[in-house]
Structure formats: C-alpha cells, structure tokens
Amino acid sequence: MSKHSSLKAKGSAAGKRSVMKRFERVKALKESGKWEEGQSPIGLPKTKVTK
C-alpha cells in the first residue's frame, strides 16, 4: 500500500532538527571540554544545536 499523494512531502525531505541525539550531545560536550571520560551518558546537560 502506498501513501496518498497529498501526504507526501514536497521540496526538502527534512527540516531543521531542534534536538540532538545522545552521541551528538556527547561529541559537542567533548569539543567544549565539559565531558570527562568515564562520565555517565545519562542525564546529560542540554546543548544548543549548531547545524
């Protein structure tokens, strides 16, 4: 079964995301120097989306 033509996205396939995945937040925290090795990835602080 296929999607109805009125439900298909037109133009760009994806919009701007307002949240980051956990691995993206850890990477951003490492780059800013706020991440220590061995730290738990649960309960990470919020980070701004840079893209």
Protein backbone atom coordinates (compact mmCIF):
# COMPACT_ATOMS: atom_id res chain seq x y z
CA MET A 1 0.00 0.00 0.00
CA SER A 2 1.38 3.44 -0.87
CA LYS A 3 0.88 6.86 0.67
CA HIS A 4 -1.78 9.14 -0.65
CA SER A 5 -0.26 11.85 -2.87
CA SER A 6 -1.46 14.63 -0.55
CA LEU A 7 0.58 13.17 2.34
CA LYS A 8 3.93 13.09 0.56
CA ALA A 9 6.49 15.77 1.44
CA LYS A 10 7.20 18.28 -1.26
CA GLY A 11 10.54 20.04 -1.60
CA SER A 12 13.11 19.30 1.07
CA ALA A 13 12.89 15.92 2.71
CA ALA A 14 13.92 17.01 6.21
CA GLY A 15 13.53 20.20 8.17
CA LYS A 16 15.87 21.63 10.79
CA ARG A 17 16.06 19.46 13.89
CA SER A 18 15.70 21.19 17.24
CA VAL A 19 17.14 18.33 19.32
CA MET A 20 20.38 16.35 19.26
CA LYS A 21 20.86 12.62 19.67
CA ARG A 22 22.81 11.46 22.72
CA PHE A 23 26.00 10.72 20.76
CA GLU A 24 25.82 14.20 19.19
CA ARG A 25 25.49 15.82 22.62
CA VAL A 26 28.47 13.84 23.97
CA LYS A 27 30.52 14.93 20.94
CA ALA A 28 29.55 18.59 21.48
CA LEU A 29 30.41 18.36 25.19
CA LYS A 30 33.81 16.80 24.35
CA GLU A 31 34.58 19.63 21.94
CA SER A 32 33.69 22.25 24.55
CA GLY A 33 35.71 20.48 27.26
CA LYS A 34 32.73 19.75 29.51
CA TRP A 35 32.89 15.94 29.12
CA GLU A 36 35.12 13.68 31.20
CA GLU A 37 35.88 10.10 30.17
CA GLY A 38 34.01 7.59 32.29
CA GLN A 39 31.15 10.02 32.94
CA SER A 40 27.64 8.57 32.66
CA PRO A 41 25.79 9.49 29.43
CA ILE A 42 22.51 9.50 31.38
CA GLY A 43 21.20 12.93 32.38
CA LEU A 44 23.37 15.00 30.03
CA PRO A 45 23.00 18.79 30.16
CA LYS A 46 21.14 20.48 27.33
CA THR A 47 23.22 21.66 24.39
CA LYS A 48 22.38 24.06 21.58
CA VAL A 49 22.01 22.69 18.06
CA THR A 50 24.86 24.08 15.97
CA LYS A 51 23.81 22.96 12.48
